[in-house]
Amino acid sequence: MLIKDFARLVGVSEDTVINWEMRGRKPSQQSREKLTETLRRVFGKELGW
């Protein structure tokens, strides 16, 4: 999955994802909640969650 696609799913900018991935920035509480929701929705189906 491309960064732009992941950012769109989570509802943040591409720069935000790059900051998390490459610059060691930590997501805010709100972003962590969005990340959790998105990962469960996207990968939960594949993993049977």
PDB file of N, CA and C in Angstrom:
ATOM      1  N   MET A   1       0.849  -1.166   0.000  1.00  0.00           N
ATOM      2  CA  MET A   1       0.000   0.000   0.000  1.00  0.00           C
ATOM      3  C   MET A   1       0.901   1.237   0.000  1.00  0.00           C
ATOM      4  N   LEU A   2       0.546   2.188  -0.797  1.00  0.00           N
ATOM      5  CA  LEU A   2       1.310   3.429  -0.882  1.00  0.00           C
ATOM      6  C   LEU A   2       1.010   4.334   0.311  1.00  0.00           C
ATOM      7  N   ILE A   3       1.967   5.176   0.644  1.00  0.00           N
ATOM      8  CA  ILE A   3       1.786   6.105   1.762  1.00  0.00           C
ATOM      9  C   ILE A   3       0.550   6.965   1.556  1.00  0.00           C
ATOM     10  N   LYS A   4       0.340   7.441   0.327  1.00  0.00           N
ATOM     11  CA  LYS A   4      -0.818   8.311   0.086  1.00  0.00           C
ATOM     12  C   LYS A   4      -2.126   7.565   0.323  1.00  0.00           C
ATOM     13  N   ASP A   5      -2.177   6.284  -0.022  1.00  0.00           N
ATOM     14  CA  ASP A   5      -3.388   5.494   0.195  1.00  0.00           C
ATOM     15  C   ASP A   5      -3.627   5.255   1.685  1.00  0.00           C
ATOM     16  N   PHE A   6      -2.548   4.921   2.395  1.00  0.00           N
ATOM     17  CA  PHE A   6      -2.667   4.696   3.832  1.00  0.00           C
ATOM     18  C   PHE A   6      -3.092   5.979   4.543  1.00  0.00           C
ATOM     19  N   ALA A   7      -2.486   7.104   4.162  1.00  0.00           N
ATOM     20  CA  ALA A   7      -2.836   8.392   4.761  1.00  0.00           C
ATOM     21  C   ALA A   7      -4.316   8.703   4.547  1.00  0.00           C
ATOM     22  N   ARG A   8      -4.795   8.447   3.350  1.00  0.00           N
ATOM     23  CA  ARG A   8      -6.212   8.698   3.046  1.00  0.00           C
ATOM     24  C   ARG A   8      -7.115   7.836   3.921  1.00  0.00           C
ATOM     25  N   LEU A   9      -6.760   6.559   4.083  1.00  0.00           N
ATOM     26  CA  LEU A   9      -7.563   5.658   4.910  1.00  0.00           C
ATOM     27  C   LEU A   9      -7.621   6.118   6.366  1.00  0.00           C
ATOM     28  N   VAL A  10      -6.480   6.583   6.873  1.00  0.00           N
ATOM     29  CA  VAL A  10      -6.401   7.003   8.273  1.00  0.00           C
ATOM     30  C   VAL A  10      -6.974   8.403   8.468  1.00  0.00           C
ATOM     31  N   GLY A  11      -6.994   9.194   7.397  1.00  0.00           N
ATOM     32  CA  GLY A  11      -7.530  10.547   7.489  1.00  0.00           C
ATOM     33  C   GLY A  11      -6.490  11.577   7.898  1.00  0.00           C
ATOM     34  N   VAL A  12      -5.235  11.332   7.500  1.00  0.00           N
ATOM     35  CA  VAL A  12      -4.153  12.275   7.776  1.00  0.00           C
ATOM     36  C   VAL A  12      -3.429  12.581   6.467  1.00  0.00           C
ATOM     37  N   SER A  13      -2.505  13.524   6.521  1.00  0.00           N
ATOM     38  CA  SER A  13      -1.748  13.869   5.314  1.00  0.00           C
ATOM     39  C   SER A  13      -0.609  12.880   5.083  1.00  0.00           C
ATOM     40  N   GLU A  14      -0.114  12.880   3.857  1.00  0.00           N
ATOM     41  CA  GLU A  14       1.053  12.047   3.538  1.00  0.00           C
ATOM     42  C   GLU A  14       2.247  12.461   4.393  1.00  0.00           C
ATOM     43  N   ASP A  15       2.402  13.769   4.595  1.00  0.00           N
ATOM     44  CA  ASP A  15       3.513  14.260   5.417  1.00  0.00           C
ATOM     45  C   ASP A  15       3.439  13.716   6.842  1.00  0.00           C
ATOM     46  N   THR A  16       2.239  13.589   7.362  1.00  0.00           N
ATOM     47  CA  THR A  16       2.076  13.050   8.712  1.00  0.00           C
ATOM     48  C   THR A  16       2.567  11.614   8.779  1.00  0.00           C
ATOM     49  N   VAL A  17       2.190  10.802   7.812  1.00  0.00           N
ATOM     50  CA  VAL A  17       2.635   9.406   7.789  1.00  0.00           C
ATOM     51  C   VAL A  17       4.154   9.344   7.639  1.00  0.00           C
ATOM     52  N   ILE A  18       4.711  10.189   6.794  1.00  0.00           N
ATOM     53  CA  ILE A  18       6.170  10.231   6.625  1.00  0.00           C
ATOM     54  C   ILE A  18       6.842  10.612   7.941  1.00  0.00           C
ATOM     55  N   ASN A  19       6.256  11.554   8.667  1.00  0.00           N
ATOM     56  CA  ASN A  19       6.809  11.926   9.972  1.00  0.00           C
ATOM     57  C   ASN A  19       6.819  10.734  10.927  1.00  0.00           C
ATOM     58  N   TRP A  20       5.779   9.939  10.917  1.00  0.00           N
ATOM     59  CA  TRP A  20       5.729   8.754  11.784  1.00  0.00           C
ATOM     60  C   TRP A  20       6.758   7.727  11.350  1.00  0.00           C
ATOM     61  N   GLU A  21       6.804   7.489  10.053  1.00  0.00           N
ATOM     62  CA  GLU A  21       7.637   6.415   9.510  1.00  0.00           C
ATOM     63  C   GLU A  21       9.124   6.744   9.511  1.00  0.00           C
ATOM     64  N   MET A  22       9.468   7.922   9.067  1.00  0.00           N
ATOM     65  CA  MET A  22      10.872   8.214   8.780  1.00  0.00           C
ATOM     66  C   MET A  22      11.516   9.213   9.728  1.00  0.00           C
ATOM     67  N   ARG A  23      10.699   9.964  10.420  1.00  0.00           N
ATOM     68  CA  ARG A  23      11.272  11.013  11.275  1.00  0.00           C
ATOM     69  C   ARG A  23      11.084  10.717  12.756  1.00  0.00           C
ATOM     70  N   GLY A  24      10.534   9.547  13.047  1.00  0.00           N
ATOM     71  CA  GLY A  24      10.414   9.127  14.440  1.00  0.00           C
ATOM     72  C   GLY A  24       9.386   9.871  15.269  1.00  0.00           C
ATOM     73  N   ARG A  25       8.493  10.580  14.608  1.00  0.00           N
ATOM     74  CA  ARG A  25       7.434  11.285  15.338  1.00  0.00           C
ATOM     75  C   ARG A  25       6.384  10.281  15.794  1.00  0.00           C
ATOM     76  N   LYS A  26       5.785  10.548  16.927  1.00  0.00           N
ATOM     77  CA  LYS A  26       4.737   9.667  17.436  1.00  0.00           C
ATOM     78  C   LYS A  26       3.375  10.275  17.123  1.00  0.00           C
ATOM     79  N   PRO A  27       2.420   9.425  16.745  1.00  0.00           N
ATOM     80  CA  PRO A  27       1.076   9.928  16.450  1.00  0.00           C
ATOM     81  C   PRO A  27       0.402  10.477  17.710  1.00  0.00           C
ATOM     82  N   SER A  28      -0.448  11.457  17.521  1.00  0.00           N
ATOM     83  CA  SER A  28      -1.249  11.983  18.628  1.00  0.00           C
ATOM     84  C   SER A  28      -2.246  10.917  19.074  1.00  0.00           C
ATOM     85  N   GLN A  29      -2.865  11.140  20.208  1.00  0.00           N
ATOM     86  CA  GLN A  29      -3.869  10.197  20.710  1.00  0.00           C
ATOM     87  C   GLN A  29      -4.979  10.003  19.679  1.00  0.00           C
ATOM     88  N   GLN A  30      -5.444  11.088  19.094  1.00  0.00           N
ATOM     89  CA  GLN A  30      -6.509  11.008  18.089  1.00  0.00           C
ATOM     90  C   GLN A  30      -6.044  10.200  16.878  1.00  0.00           C
ATOM     91  N   SER A  31      -4.821  10.429  16.444  1.00  0.00           N
ATOM     92  CA  SER A  31      -4.291   9.684  15.298  1.00  0.00           C
ATOM     93  C   SER A  31      -4.097   8.212  15.639  1.00  0.00           C
ATOM     94  N   ARG A  32      -3.674   7.913  16.865  1.00  0.00           N
ATOM     95  CA  ARG A  32      -3.524   6.507  17.271  1.00  0.00           C
ATOM     96  C   ARG A  32      -4.870   5.788  17.238  1.00  0.00           C
ATOM     97  N   GLU A  33      -5.912   6.485  17.652  1.00  0.00           N
ATOM     98  CA  GLU A  33      -7.251   5.889  17.600  1.00  0.00           C
ATOM     99  C   GLU A  33      -7.664   5.630  16.153  1.00  0.00           C
ATOM    100  N   LYS A  34      -7.393   6.580  15.274  1.00  0.00           N
ATOM    101  CA  LYS A  34      -7.708   6.398  13.851  1.00  0.00           C
ATOM    102  C   LYS A  34      -6.893   5.252  13.254  1.00  0.00           C
ATOM    103  N   LEU A  35      -5.611   5.181  13.632  1.00  0.00           N
ATOM    104  CA  LEU A  35      -4.751   4.095  13.156  1.00  0.00           C
ATOM    105  C   LEU A  35      -5.305   2.744  13.585  1.00  0.00           C
ATOM    106  N   THR A  36      -5.674   2.638  14.847  1.00  0.00           N
ATOM    107  CA  THR A  36      -6.213   1.385  15.371  1.00  0.00           C
ATOM    108  C   THR A  36      -7.472   0.982  14.622  1.00  0.00           C
ATOM    109  N   GLU A  37      -8.387   1.929  14.456  1.00  0.00           N
ATOM    110  CA  GLU A  37      -9.629   1.664  13.713  1.00  0.00           C
ATOM    111  C   GLU A  37      -9.337   1.189  12.294  1.00  0.00           C
ATOM    112  N   THR A  38      -8.455   1.903  11.623  1.00  0.00           N
ATOM    113  CA  THR A  38      -8.134   1.593  10.226  1.00  0.00           C
ATOM    114  C   THR A  38      -7.489   0.226  10.099  1.00  0.00           C
ATOM    115  N   LEU A  39      -6.513  -0.063  10.947  1.00  0.00           N
ATOM    116  CA  LEU A  39      -5.829  -1.355  10.873  1.00  0.00           C
ATOM    117  C   LEU A  39      -6.780  -2.504  11.166  1.00  0.00           C
ATOM    118  N   ARG A  40      -7.667  -2.321  12.129  1.00  0.00           N
ATOM    119  CA  ARG A  40      -8.659  -3.370  12.418  1.00  0.00           C
ATOM    120  C   ARG A  40      -9.599  -3.572  11.236  1.00  0.00           C
ATOM    121  N   ARG A  41     -10.024  -2.465  10.639  1.00  0.00           N
ATOM    122  CA  ARG A  41     -10.957  -2.549   9.513  1.00  0.00           C
ATOM    123  C   ARG A  41     -10.297  -3.204   8.301  1.00  0.00           C
ATOM    124  N   VAL A  42      -9.072  -2.796   7.980  1.00  0.00           N
ATOM    125  CA  VAL A  42      -8.394  -3.284   6.783  1.00  0.00           C
ATOM    126  C   VAL A  42      -7.871  -4.701   6.964  1.00  0.00           C
ATOM    127  N   PHE A  43      -7.163  -4.935   8.068  1.00  0.00           N
ATOM    128  CA  PHE A  43      -6.515  -6.229   8.244  1.00  0.00           C
ATOM    129  C   PHE A  43      -7.350  -7.211   9.045  1.00  0.00           C
ATOM    130  N   GLY A  44      -8.313  -6.711   9.783  1.00  0.00           N
ATOM    131  CA  GLY A  44      -9.162  -7.585  10.573  1.00  0.00           C
ATOM    132  C   GLY A  44      -9.929  -8.574   9.721  1.00  0.00           C
ATOM    133  N   LYS A  45     -10.373  -8.125   8.566  1.00  0.00           N
ATOM    134  CA  LYS A  45     -11.096  -9.014   7.652  1.00  0.00           C
ATOM    135  C   LYS A  45     -10.206 -10.171   7.224  1.00  0.00           C
ATOM    136  N   GLU A  46      -8.953  -9.848   6.906  1.00  0.00           N
ATOM    137  CA  GLU A  46      -8.018 -10.879   6.456  1.00  0.00           C
ATOM    138  C   GLU A  46      -7.636 -11.833   7.582  1.00  0.00           C
ATOM    139  N   LEU A  47      -7.580 -11.309   8.806  1.00  0.00           N
ATOM    140  CA  LEU A  47      -7.135 -12.117   9.940  1.00  0.00           C
ATOM    141  C   LEU A  47      -8.295 -12.714  10.732  1.00  0.00           C
ATOM    142  N   GLY A  48      -9.513 -12.396  10.322  1.00  0.00           N
ATOM    143  CA  GLY A  48     -10.686 -12.934  10.991  1.00  0.00           C
ATOM    144  C   GLY A  48     -10.982 -12.303  12.344  1.00  0.00           C
ATOM    145  N   TRP A  49     -10.613 -11.016  12.525  1.00  0.00           N
ATOM    146  CA  TRP A  49     -10.881 -10.325  13.790  1.00  0.00           C
ATOM    147  C   TRP A  49     -12.291  -9.837  13.835  1.00  0.00           C
TER     148      TRP A  49
END
